[in-house]
Amino acid sequence: MRIRAGVASDVGAFRDVNQDAAFTSQLAAAVADGVGGGPSGDLASAALIHRLIASSLSVRDAEDLIVRLRMANWDLGAFIRRDPDLAGMASTLTGIWLVEDAGLLLAHTGDSRAYLLRDGELTRETRDDSFVQALVDRGLITSDAAWSHPRRNIITASLSGADGDVVRVESRAAALGDRWLLCS
């Protein structure tokens, strides 16, 4: 099984700089989005994607992918150690990696999303790491109210070069004809 993919990116109507970075290959696809409000989000997202591409896109299993994600996160920390003005830069990450004879791996942190279209049904496959998602989970606001909440832009997880940063990696079945949408 192989991935056929494309990438599109748009800065949108409200920003001067696009902080998204992405890649696709026959074995993997990912999107990273620099965390707004912090310095150099565009550098953070580009550095993550560059490291993931440079470390070979073929992964053996979840542990192998986790090691690669930790290495990419370590690279962010190295940038910050070399230039303290970059302290606070961070990025979300959502991606899929094919694993031979084992379906695929979905990696996620932050509020970039993965959707799966299978047999005509579109499902959201990731849960936002965000302040408003926590409110929704606790039943304090509805999903509709989250869209206009004044703190809807606050995320609770990202990759920032810190040792405690976490990316969830989950195994998923892969079926011929699946369509994945990774978006920020």
N, C-alpha and C. Protein backbone atom coordinates (compact mmCIF):
# COMPACT_ATOMS: atom_id res chain seq x y z
N MET A 1 0.84 -1.18 0.00
CA MET A 1 0.00 0.00 0.00
C MET A 1 0.89 1.24 0.00
N ARG A 2 0.46 2.27 -0.70
CA ARG A 2 1.20 3.52 -0.80
C ARG A 2 0.24 4.69 -0.62
N ILE A 3 0.81 5.83 -0.26
CA ILE A 3 0.04 7.07 -0.11
C ILE A 3 0.18 7.88 -1.39
N ARG A 4 -0.92 8.37 -1.91
CA ARG A 4 -0.91 9.38 -2.97
C ARG A 4 -1.46 10.64 -2.33
N ALA A 5 -0.72 11.74 -2.42
CA ALA A 5 -1.12 12.93 -1.66
C ALA A 5 -0.74 14.21 -2.39
N GLY A 6 -1.34 15.28 -1.93
CA GLY A 6 -1.01 16.61 -2.40
C GLY A 6 -1.02 17.56 -1.22
N VAL A 7 -0.44 18.73 -1.43
CA VAL A 7 -0.36 19.74 -0.36
C VAL A 7 -0.86 21.06 -0.92
N ALA A 8 -1.65 21.76 -0.13
CA ALA A 8 -2.06 23.13 -0.45
C ALA A 8 -1.95 23.95 0.81
N SER A 9 -1.56 25.20 0.66
CA SER A 9 -1.40 26.07 1.82
C SER A 9 -1.81 27.49 1.44
N ASP A 10 -2.43 28.18 2.38
CA ASP A 10 -2.87 29.55 2.14
C ASP A 10 -2.68 30.35 3.42
N VAL A 11 -2.12 31.54 3.30
CA VAL A 11 -1.86 32.38 4.47
C VAL A 11 -3.16 32.87 5.10
N GLY A 12 -4.23 32.93 4.33
CA GLY A 12 -5.51 33.40 4.87
C GLY A 12 -5.62 34.91 4.84
N ALA A 13 -6.73 35.41 5.33
CA ALA A 13 -7.04 36.84 5.23
C ALA A 13 -6.50 37.67 6.39
N PHE A 14 -6.07 37.03 7.47
CA PHE A 14 -5.76 37.78 8.69
C PHE A 14 -4.29 37.76 9.10
N ARG A 15 -3.44 37.05 8.38
CA ARG A 15 -2.03 36.93 8.77
C ARG A 15 -1.12 37.38 7.64
N ASP A 16 0.08 37.80 8.01
CA ASP A 16 1.08 38.18 7.02
C ASP A 16 2.03 37.03 6.70
N VAL A 17 2.18 36.10 7.63
CA VAL A 17 3.12 34.99 7.48
C VAL A 17 2.37 33.68 7.65
N ASN A 18 2.62 32.75 6.75
CA ASN A 18 2.05 31.42 6.88
C ASN A 18 3.00 30.57 7.71
N GLN A 19 2.53 30.07 8.84
CA GLN A 19 3.39 29.28 9.72
C GLN A 19 3.21 27.78 9.52
N ASP A 20 2.55 27.38 8.43
CA ASP A 20 2.36 25.97 8.13
C ASP A 20 3.57 25.40 7.40
N ALA A 21 3.82 24.13 7.63
CA ALA A 21 4.79 23.37 6.85
C ALA A 21 4.20 21.97 6.69
N ALA A 22 4.48 21.32 5.57
CA ALA A 22 3.90 20.00 5.34
C ALA A 22 4.81 19.20 4.40
N PHE A 23 4.59 17.89 4.40
CA PHE A 23 5.25 17.04 3.42
C PHE A 23 4.33 15.88 3.09
N THR A 24 4.56 15.31 1.92
CA THR A 24 3.89 14.07 1.54
C THR A 24 4.91 13.18 0.85
N SER A 25 4.69 11.90 0.97
CA SER A 25 5.50 10.91 0.25
C SER A 25 4.62 9.69 0.06
N GLN A 26 5.17 8.64 -0.51
CA GLN A 26 4.41 7.41 -0.66
C GLN A 26 4.26 6.66 0.66
N LEU A 27 5.00 7.06 1.68
CA LEU A 27 4.99 6.36 2.96
C LEU A 27 4.43 7.18 4.11
N ALA A 28 4.33 8.50 3.94
CA ALA A 28 3.91 9.34 5.07
C ALA A 28 3.42 10.68 4.56
N ALA A 29 2.69 11.37 5.43
CA ALA A 29 2.26 12.74 5.18
C ALA A 29 2.07 13.41 6.53
N ALA A 30 2.41 14.69 6.61
CA ALA A 30 2.24 15.40 7.88
C ALA A 30 2.08 16.88 7.62
N VAL A 31 1.42 17.54 8.58
CA VAL A 31 1.29 18.99 8.58
C VAL A 31 1.70 19.49 9.97
N ALA A 32 2.43 20.58 9.99
CA ALA A 32 2.82 21.24 11.24
C ALA A 32 2.42 22.70 11.12
N ASP A 33 1.98 23.29 12.21
CA ASP A 33 1.54 24.68 12.21
C ASP A 33 2.19 25.39 13.39
N GLY A 34 2.98 26.41 13.09
CA GLY A 34 3.63 27.18 14.14
C GLY A 34 2.60 27.77 15.08
N VAL A 35 2.92 27.76 16.36
CA VAL A 35 2.00 28.26 17.38
C VAL A 35 1.98 29.78 17.31
N GLY A 36 0.81 30.33 17.08
CA GLY A 36 0.64 31.78 17.00
C GLY A 36 0.88 32.42 18.35
N GLY A 37 1.30 33.65 18.33
CA GLY A 37 1.55 34.36 19.57
C GLY A 37 2.95 34.18 20.09
N GLY A 38 3.65 33.18 19.61
CA GLY A 38 5.04 32.95 20.02
C GLY A 38 5.98 33.34 18.90
N PRO A 39 7.26 33.38 19.19
CA PRO A 39 8.23 33.76 18.17
C PRO A 39 8.49 32.62 17.19
N SER A 40 8.69 32.94 15.95
CA SER A 40 9.24 32.01 14.95
C SER A 40 8.47 30.70 14.82
N GLY A 41 7.16 30.78 14.85
CA GLY A 41 6.36 29.57 14.61
C GLY A 41 6.63 28.97 13.25
N ASP A 42 6.92 29.82 12.27
CA ASP A 42 7.24 29.31 10.94
C ASP A 42 8.53 28.50 10.95
N LEU A 43 9.51 28.93 11.73
CA LEU A 43 10.76 28.17 11.87
C LEU A 43 10.50 26.85 12.59
N ALA A 44 9.69 26.87 13.63
CA ALA A 44 9.40 25.65 14.39
C ALA A 44 8.73 24.60 13.51
N SER A 45 7.71 24.99 12.76
CA SER A 45 7.01 24.02 11.92
C SER A 45 7.93 23.51 10.80
N ALA A 46 8.69 24.39 10.19
CA ALA A 46 9.61 23.98 9.12
C ALA A 46 10.69 23.05 9.65
N ALA A 47 11.22 23.34 10.83
CA ALA A 47 12.27 22.49 11.41
C ALA A 47 11.75 21.09 11.71
N LEU A 48 10.53 21.00 12.25
CA LEU A 48 9.95 19.68 12.52
C LEU A 48 9.80 18.87 11.24
N ILE A 49 9.20 19.49 10.23
CA ILE A 49 8.97 18.78 8.98
C ILE A 49 10.30 18.39 8.33
N HIS A 50 11.26 19.30 8.32
CA HIS A 50 12.57 19.00 7.73
C HIS A 50 13.22 17.80 8.41
N ARG A 51 13.18 17.76 9.73
CA ARG A 51 13.80 16.66 10.47
C ARG A 51 13.10 15.34 10.18
N LEU A 52 11.77 15.37 10.09
CA LEU A 52 11.04 14.14 9.82
C LEU A 52 11.37 13.62 8.42
N ILE A 53 11.51 14.50 7.46
CA ILE A 53 11.89 14.08 6.11
C ILE A 53 13.31 13.54 6.10
N ALA A 54 14.21 14.23 6.77
CA ALA A 54 15.63 13.85 6.78
C ALA A 54 15.88 12.52 7.49
N SER A 55 14.99 12.13 8.38
CA SER A 55 15.23 10.91 9.17
C SER A 55 14.68 9.65 8.51
N SER A 56 14.33 9.71 7.25
CA SER A 56 13.76 8.60 6.49
C SER A 56 12.29 8.47 6.82
N LEU A 57 11.49 8.32 5.81
CA LEU A 57 10.04 8.29 6.01
C LEU A 57 9.51 6.90 6.29
N SER A 58 10.35 5.89 6.14
CA SER A 58 9.95 4.52 6.43
C SER A 58 10.10 4.27 7.92
N VAL A 59 9.01 3.88 8.58
CA VAL A 59 9.08 3.56 10.01
C VAL A 59 8.70 2.10 10.23
N ARG A 60 9.35 1.49 11.22
CA ARG A 60 9.10 0.08 11.52
C ARG A 60 7.86 -0.11 12.38
N ASP A 61 7.72 0.77 13.38
CA ASP A 61 6.63 0.61 14.35
C ASP A 61 6.46 1.91 15.12
N ALA A 62 5.54 1.92 16.07
CA ALA A 62 5.25 3.13 16.84
C ALA A 62 6.47 3.62 17.60
N GLU A 63 7.23 2.71 18.17
CA GLU A 63 8.42 3.11 18.94
C GLU A 63 9.43 3.82 18.04
N ASP A 64 9.62 3.32 16.83
CA ASP A 64 10.52 3.95 15.88
C ASP A 64 10.05 5.37 15.55
N LEU A 65 8.75 5.55 15.32
CA LEU A 65 8.22 6.88 15.02
C LEU A 65 8.37 7.80 16.22
N ILE A 66 8.11 7.31 17.41
CA ILE A 66 8.25 8.13 18.61
C ILE A 66 9.68 8.63 18.76
N VAL A 67 10.66 7.77 18.50
CA VAL A 67 12.07 8.20 18.56
C VAL A 67 12.32 9.33 17.56
N ARG A 68 11.81 9.20 16.36
CA ARG A 68 12.01 10.24 15.34
C ARG A 68 11.34 11.56 15.74
N LEU A 69 10.16 11.46 16.33
CA LEU A 69 9.47 12.67 16.79
C LEU A 69 10.23 13.34 17.93
N ARG A 70 10.79 12.53 18.82
CA ARG A 70 11.62 13.10 19.90
C ARG A 70 12.86 13.79 19.34
N MET A 71 13.46 13.20 18.31
CA MET A 71 14.64 13.82 17.68
C MET A 71 14.26 15.15 17.05
N ALA A 72 13.11 15.20 16.38
CA ALA A 72 12.66 16.45 15.77
C ALA A 72 12.40 17.50 16.84
N ASN A 73 11.81 17.08 17.95
CA ASN A 73 11.56 18.02 19.05
C ASN A 73 12.88 18.48 19.67
N TRP A 74 13.84 17.57 19.78
CA TRP A 74 15.16 17.94 20.30
C TRP A 74 15.78 19.02 19.43
N ASP A 75 15.60 18.90 18.10
CA ASP A 75 16.13 19.92 17.19
C ASP A 75 15.58 21.30 17.52
N LEU A 76 14.28 21.37 17.85
CA LEU A 76 13.71 22.67 18.24
C LEU A 76 14.42 23.21 19.47
N GLY A 77 14.65 22.36 20.44
CA GLY A 77 15.37 22.78 21.64
C GLY A 77 16.77 23.26 21.32
N ALA A 78 17.43 22.62 20.35
CA ALA A 78 18.79 23.03 19.96
C ALA A 78 18.77 24.42 19.34
N PHE A 79 17.77 24.70 18.52
CA PHE A 79 17.64 26.06 17.97
C PHE A 79 17.53 27.09 19.09
N ILE A 80 16.73 26.77 20.09
CA ILE A 80 16.51 27.70 21.21
C ILE A 80 17.77 27.87 22.04
N ARG A 81 18.50 26.77 22.27
CA ARG A 81 19.75 26.88 23.03
C ARG A 81 20.78 27.74 22.30
N ARG A 82 20.79 27.67 20.97
CA ARG A 82 21.72 28.49 20.19
C ARG A 82 21.28 29.95 20.12
N ASP A 83 19.96 30.19 20.14
CA ASP A 83 19.44 31.56 20.02
C ASP A 83 18.29 31.74 21.00
N PRO A 84 18.57 32.25 22.21
CA PRO A 84 17.54 32.39 23.24
C PRO A 84 16.35 33.27 22.81
N ASP A 85 16.52 34.10 21.78
CA ASP A 85 15.39 34.89 21.29
C ASP A 85 14.28 34.00 20.70
N LEU A 86 14.60 32.75 20.41
CA LEU A 86 13.62 31.82 19.88
C LEU A 86 12.83 31.11 20.97
N ALA A 87 13.17 31.34 22.23
CA ALA A 87 12.45 30.70 23.34
C ALA A 87 10.96 30.97 23.19
N GLY A 88 10.18 29.92 23.31
CA GLY A 88 8.73 30.03 23.17
C GLY A 88 8.22 29.58 21.82
N MET A 89 9.12 29.36 20.85
CA MET A 89 8.63 28.89 19.55
C MET A 89 8.14 27.45 19.71
N ALA A 90 7.09 27.13 18.97
CA ALA A 90 6.48 25.81 19.09
C ALA A 90 5.64 25.54 17.85
N SER A 91 5.24 24.29 17.70
CA SER A 91 4.44 23.89 16.54
C SER A 91 3.52 22.74 16.91
N THR A 92 2.38 22.70 16.25
CA THR A 92 1.52 21.52 16.29
C THR A 92 2.08 20.51 15.29
N LEU A 93 1.57 19.29 15.33
CA LEU A 93 1.96 18.29 14.34
C LEU A 93 0.85 17.25 14.24
N THR A 94 0.47 16.93 13.02
CA THR A 94 -0.45 15.83 12.76
C THR A 94 0.04 15.12 11.51
N GLY A 95 0.20 13.79 11.60
CA GLY A 95 0.71 13.06 10.45
C GLY A 95 0.32 11.60 10.46
N ILE A 96 0.46 10.99 9.30
CA ILE A 96 0.23 9.55 9.15
C ILE A 96 1.46 8.91 8.52
N TRP A 97 1.79 7.71 8.98
CA TRP A 97 2.91 6.94 8.47
C TRP A 97 2.43 5.52 8.21
N LEU A 98 2.67 5.01 7.01
CA LEU A 98 2.36 3.61 6.72
C LEU A 98 3.38 2.71 7.42
N VAL A 99 2.89 1.61 7.95
CA VAL A 99 3.76 0.61 8.58
C VAL A 99 3.48 -0.70 7.85
N GLU A 100 4.53 -1.29 7.30
CA GLU A 100 4.36 -2.49 6.50
C GLU A 100 3.65 -3.58 7.29
N ASP A 101 2.61 -4.12 6.69
CA ASP A 101 1.82 -5.21 7.28
C ASP A 101 1.15 -4.84 8.59
N ALA A 102 1.06 -3.53 8.90
CA ALA A 102 0.47 -3.17 10.19
C ALA A 102 -0.42 -1.93 10.10
N GLY A 103 -0.91 -1.60 8.92
CA GLY A 103 -1.78 -0.43 8.82
C GLY A 103 -0.99 0.85 8.80
N LEU A 104 -1.41 1.80 9.63
CA LEU A 104 -0.69 3.06 9.68
C LEU A 104 -0.63 3.58 11.10
N LEU A 105 0.24 4.56 11.29
CA LEU A 105 0.37 5.24 12.57
C LEU A 105 -0.09 6.67 12.39
N LEU A 106 -0.88 7.15 13.34
CA LEU A 106 -1.35 8.52 13.37
C LEU A 106 -0.65 9.21 14.53
N ALA A 107 0.07 10.29 14.24
CA ALA A 107 0.78 11.06 15.27
C ALA A 107 0.10 12.42 15.38
N HIS A 108 -0.07 12.90 16.63
CA HIS A 108 -0.82 14.15 16.80
C HIS A 108 -0.44 14.86 18.09
N THR A 109 -0.27 16.18 17.99
CA THR A 109 -0.22 17.07 19.15
C THR A 109 -0.69 18.45 18.70
N GLY A 110 -1.46 19.11 19.55
CA GLY A 110 -1.95 20.45 19.22
C GLY A 110 -3.35 20.43 18.64
N ASP A 111 -3.63 21.40 17.77
CA ASP A 111 -4.98 21.51 17.22
C ASP A 111 -5.04 21.37 15.70
N SER A 112 -3.95 20.93 15.08
CA SER A 112 -4.06 20.51 13.68
C SER A 112 -4.83 19.19 13.70
N ARG A 113 -5.57 18.92 12.65
CA ARG A 113 -6.49 17.78 12.69
C ARG A 113 -6.25 16.76 11.59
N ALA A 114 -6.73 15.55 11.85
CA ALA A 114 -6.77 14.50 10.83
C ALA A 114 -8.22 14.02 10.73
N TYR A 115 -8.69 13.94 9.49
CA TYR A 115 -10.01 13.40 9.19
C TYR A 115 -9.82 12.21 8.27
N LEU A 116 -10.70 11.22 8.41
CA LEU A 116 -10.67 10.03 7.56
C LEU A 116 -11.99 9.90 6.83
N LEU A 117 -11.93 9.78 5.50
CA LEU A 117 -13.10 9.48 4.68
C LEU A 117 -12.99 8.02 4.28
N ARG A 118 -13.91 7.22 4.80
CA ARG A 118 -13.93 5.78 4.51
C ARG A 118 -15.37 5.36 4.24
N ASP A 119 -15.58 4.70 3.13
CA ASP A 119 -16.91 4.22 2.76
C ASP A 119 -17.96 5.32 2.81
N GLY A 120 -17.59 6.51 2.36
CA GLY A 120 -18.53 7.62 2.29
C GLY A 120 -18.77 8.35 3.60
N GLU A 121 -18.12 7.94 4.67
CA GLU A 121 -18.31 8.59 5.98
C GLU A 121 -17.02 9.31 6.40
N LEU A 122 -17.17 10.61 6.73
CA LEU A 122 -16.04 11.43 7.18
C LEU A 122 -16.04 11.48 8.70
N THR A 123 -14.92 11.09 9.31
CA THR A 123 -14.80 11.14 10.77
C THR A 123 -13.55 11.89 11.17
N ARG A 124 -13.67 12.65 12.26
CA ARG A 124 -12.49 13.32 12.82
C ARG A 124 -11.73 12.29 13.63
N GLU A 125 -10.44 12.14 13.35
CA GLU A 125 -9.63 11.10 13.97
C GLU A 125 -8.73 11.61 15.08
N THR A 126 -8.68 12.91 15.28
CA THR A 126 -7.84 13.49 16.34
C THR A 126 -8.70 14.32 17.27
N ARG A 127 -8.21 14.50 18.46
CA ARG A 127 -8.86 15.34 19.47
C ARG A 127 -7.95 16.54 19.68
N ASP A 128 -8.54 17.75 19.59
CA ASP A 128 -7.74 18.96 19.78
C ASP A 128 -7.16 19.00 21.19
N ASP A 129 -5.91 19.38 21.28
CA ASP A 129 -5.28 19.69 22.56
C ASP A 129 -5.46 21.18 22.75
N SER A 130 -6.63 21.56 23.30
CA SER A 130 -6.94 22.98 23.42
C SER A 130 -7.78 23.25 24.66
N PHE A 131 -7.75 24.51 25.07
CA PHE A 131 -8.53 24.95 26.22
C PHE A 131 -10.02 24.69 25.99
N VAL A 132 -10.53 25.07 24.80
CA VAL A 132 -11.96 24.90 24.56
C VAL A 132 -12.35 23.43 24.44
N GLN A 133 -11.47 22.58 23.91
CA GLN A 133 -11.79 21.15 23.85
C GLN A 133 -11.92 20.58 25.25
N ALA A 134 -11.09 21.05 26.17
CA ALA A 134 -11.20 20.60 27.57
C ALA A 134 -12.54 21.03 28.15
N LEU A 135 -13.00 22.23 27.82
CA LEU A 135 -14.32 22.68 28.29
C LEU A 135 -15.43 21.82 27.70
N VAL A 136 -15.33 21.49 26.41
CA VAL A 136 -16.31 20.63 25.77
C VAL A 136 -16.31 19.26 26.43
N ASP A 137 -15.13 18.69 26.65
CA ASP A 137 -15.00 17.37 27.26
C ASP A 137 -15.64 17.31 28.64
N ARG A 138 -15.57 18.42 29.37
CA ARG A 138 -16.14 18.46 30.73
C ARG A 138 -17.62 18.84 30.71
N GLY A 139 -18.18 19.09 29.53
CA GLY A 139 -19.59 19.44 29.42
C GLY A 139 -19.89 20.88 29.80
N LEU A 140 -18.88 21.74 29.85
CA LEU A 140 -19.09 23.13 30.27
C LEU A 140 -19.53 24.02 29.12
N ILE A 141 -19.18 23.66 27.89
CA ILE A 141 -19.67 24.37 26.71
C ILE A 141 -19.95 23.33 25.62
N THR A 142 -20.71 23.74 24.61
CA THR A 142 -20.99 22.86 23.48
C THR A 142 -19.89 23.00 22.43
N SER A 143 -19.85 22.05 21.52
CA SER A 143 -18.90 22.15 20.40
C SER A 143 -19.16 23.40 19.58
N ASP A 144 -20.42 23.75 19.40
CA ASP A 144 -20.75 24.96 18.65
C ASP A 144 -20.24 26.21 19.36
N ALA A 145 -20.37 26.25 20.69
CA ALA A 145 -19.91 27.41 21.46
C ALA A 145 -18.39 27.54 21.42
N ALA A 146 -17.70 26.43 21.24
CA ALA A 146 -16.23 26.47 21.20
C ALA A 146 -15.72 27.30 20.03
N TRP A 147 -16.46 27.31 18.92
CA TRP A 147 -16.03 28.05 17.73
C TRP A 147 -15.91 29.55 17.97
N SER A 148 -16.71 30.09 18.89
CA SER A 148 -16.67 31.54 19.13
C SER A 148 -16.16 31.90 20.52
N HIS A 149 -15.68 30.93 21.26
CA HIS A 149 -15.18 31.18 22.61
C HIS A 149 -13.96 32.11 22.54
N PRO A 150 -13.86 33.08 23.47
CA PRO A 150 -12.73 34.03 23.41
C PRO A 150 -11.36 33.37 23.60
N ARG A 151 -11.30 32.15 24.13
CA ARG A 151 -10.00 31.48 24.33
C ARG A 151 -9.84 30.28 23.39
N ARG A 152 -10.53 30.32 22.26
CA ARG A 152 -10.49 29.20 21.31
C ARG A 152 -9.12 28.97 20.69
N ASN A 153 -8.25 29.97 20.76
CA ASN A 153 -6.93 29.86 20.14
C ASN A 153 -5.86 29.30 21.08
N ILE A 154 -6.22 28.97 22.31
CA ILE A 154 -5.22 28.49 23.27
C ILE A 154 -5.09 26.98 23.17
N ILE A 155 -3.89 26.52 22.82
CA ILE A 155 -3.66 25.08 22.78
C ILE A 155 -2.94 24.64 24.04
N THR A 156 -3.11 23.37 24.38
CA THR A 156 -2.55 22.84 25.63
C THR A 156 -1.41 21.86 25.40
N ALA A 157 -1.07 21.60 24.14
CA ALA A 157 0.05 20.71 23.83
C ALA A 157 0.63 21.11 22.48
N SER A 158 1.93 20.99 22.38
CA SER A 158 2.64 21.29 21.13
C SER A 158 4.06 20.74 21.27
N LEU A 159 4.83 20.87 20.22
CA LEU A 159 6.25 20.55 20.28
C LEU A 159 7.01 21.86 20.37
N SER A 160 7.81 21.99 21.44
CA SER A 160 8.50 23.25 21.72
C SER A 160 9.97 23.06 22.06
N GLY A 161 10.46 21.83 21.92
CA GLY A 161 11.83 21.55 22.30
C GLY A 161 11.99 21.16 23.75
N ALA A 162 10.89 21.12 24.49
CA ALA A 162 10.94 20.77 25.92
C ALA A 162 10.89 19.26 26.10
N ASP A 163 11.56 18.77 27.14
CA ASP A 163 11.59 17.33 27.41
C ASP A 163 10.21 16.74 27.66
N GLY A 164 9.30 17.52 28.21
CA GLY A 164 7.97 17.01 28.56
C GLY A 164 6.96 17.04 27.43
N ASP A 165 7.34 17.53 26.25
CA ASP A 165 6.40 17.58 25.12
C ASP A 165 5.99 16.16 24.73
N VAL A 166 4.71 16.00 24.39
CA VAL A 166 4.17 14.68 24.08
C VAL A 166 3.44 14.72 22.74
N VAL A 167 3.70 13.71 21.93
CA VAL A 167 2.93 13.46 20.71
C VAL A 167 2.27 12.11 20.89
N ARG A 168 0.96 12.07 20.72
CA ARG A 168 0.26 10.78 20.78
C ARG A 168 0.48 10.04 19.46
N VAL A 169 0.84 8.78 19.53
CA VAL A 169 1.00 7.95 18.35
C VAL A 169 0.08 6.75 18.53
N GLU A 170 -0.83 6.58 17.57
CA GLU A 170 -1.83 5.50 17.65
C GLU A 170 -1.80 4.68 16.37
N SER A 171 -1.98 3.37 16.51
CA SER A 171 -2.10 2.49 15.35
C SER A 171 -3.51 2.56 14.80
N ARG A 172 -3.62 2.54 13.48
CA ARG A 172 -4.91 2.56 12.81
C ARG A 172 -4.90 1.54 11.69
N ALA A 173 -6.06 0.96 11.43
CA ALA A 173 -6.20 0.09 10.27
C ALA A 173 -6.16 0.95 9.02
N ALA A 174 -5.61 0.40 7.97
CA ALA A 174 -5.58 1.10 6.68
C ALA A 174 -6.36 0.26 5.68
N ALA A 175 -7.23 0.90 4.93
CA ALA A 175 -8.02 0.20 3.92
C ALA A 175 -7.81 0.88 2.57
N LEU A 176 -7.77 0.08 1.53
CA LEU A 176 -7.64 0.61 0.19
C LEU A 176 -8.80 1.57 -0.06
N GLY A 177 -8.51 2.74 -0.57
CA GLY A 177 -9.54 3.73 -0.83
C GLY A 177 -9.74 4.74 0.27
N ASP A 178 -9.08 4.56 1.41
CA ASP A 178 -9.16 5.57 2.48
C ASP A 178 -8.67 6.91 1.96
N ARG A 179 -9.30 7.97 2.43
CA ARG A 179 -8.87 9.33 2.12
C ARG A 179 -8.63 10.04 3.45
N TRP A 180 -7.42 10.54 3.65
CA TRP A 180 -7.07 11.28 4.86
C TRP A 180 -6.94 12.75 4.53
N LEU A 181 -7.46 13.60 5.39
CA LEU A 181 -7.29 15.05 5.29
C LEU A 181 -6.57 15.50 6.54
N LEU A 182 -5.37 16.04 6.37
CA LEU A 182 -4.59 16.59 7.47
C LEU A 182 -4.63 18.09 7.31
N CYS A 183 -5.05 18.81 8.35
CA CYS A 183 -5.21 20.26 8.19
C CYS A 183 -4.87 21.01 9.47
N SER A 184 -4.50 22.27 9.26
CA SER A 184 -4.19 23.14 10.40
C SER A 184 -5.20 24.27 10.47
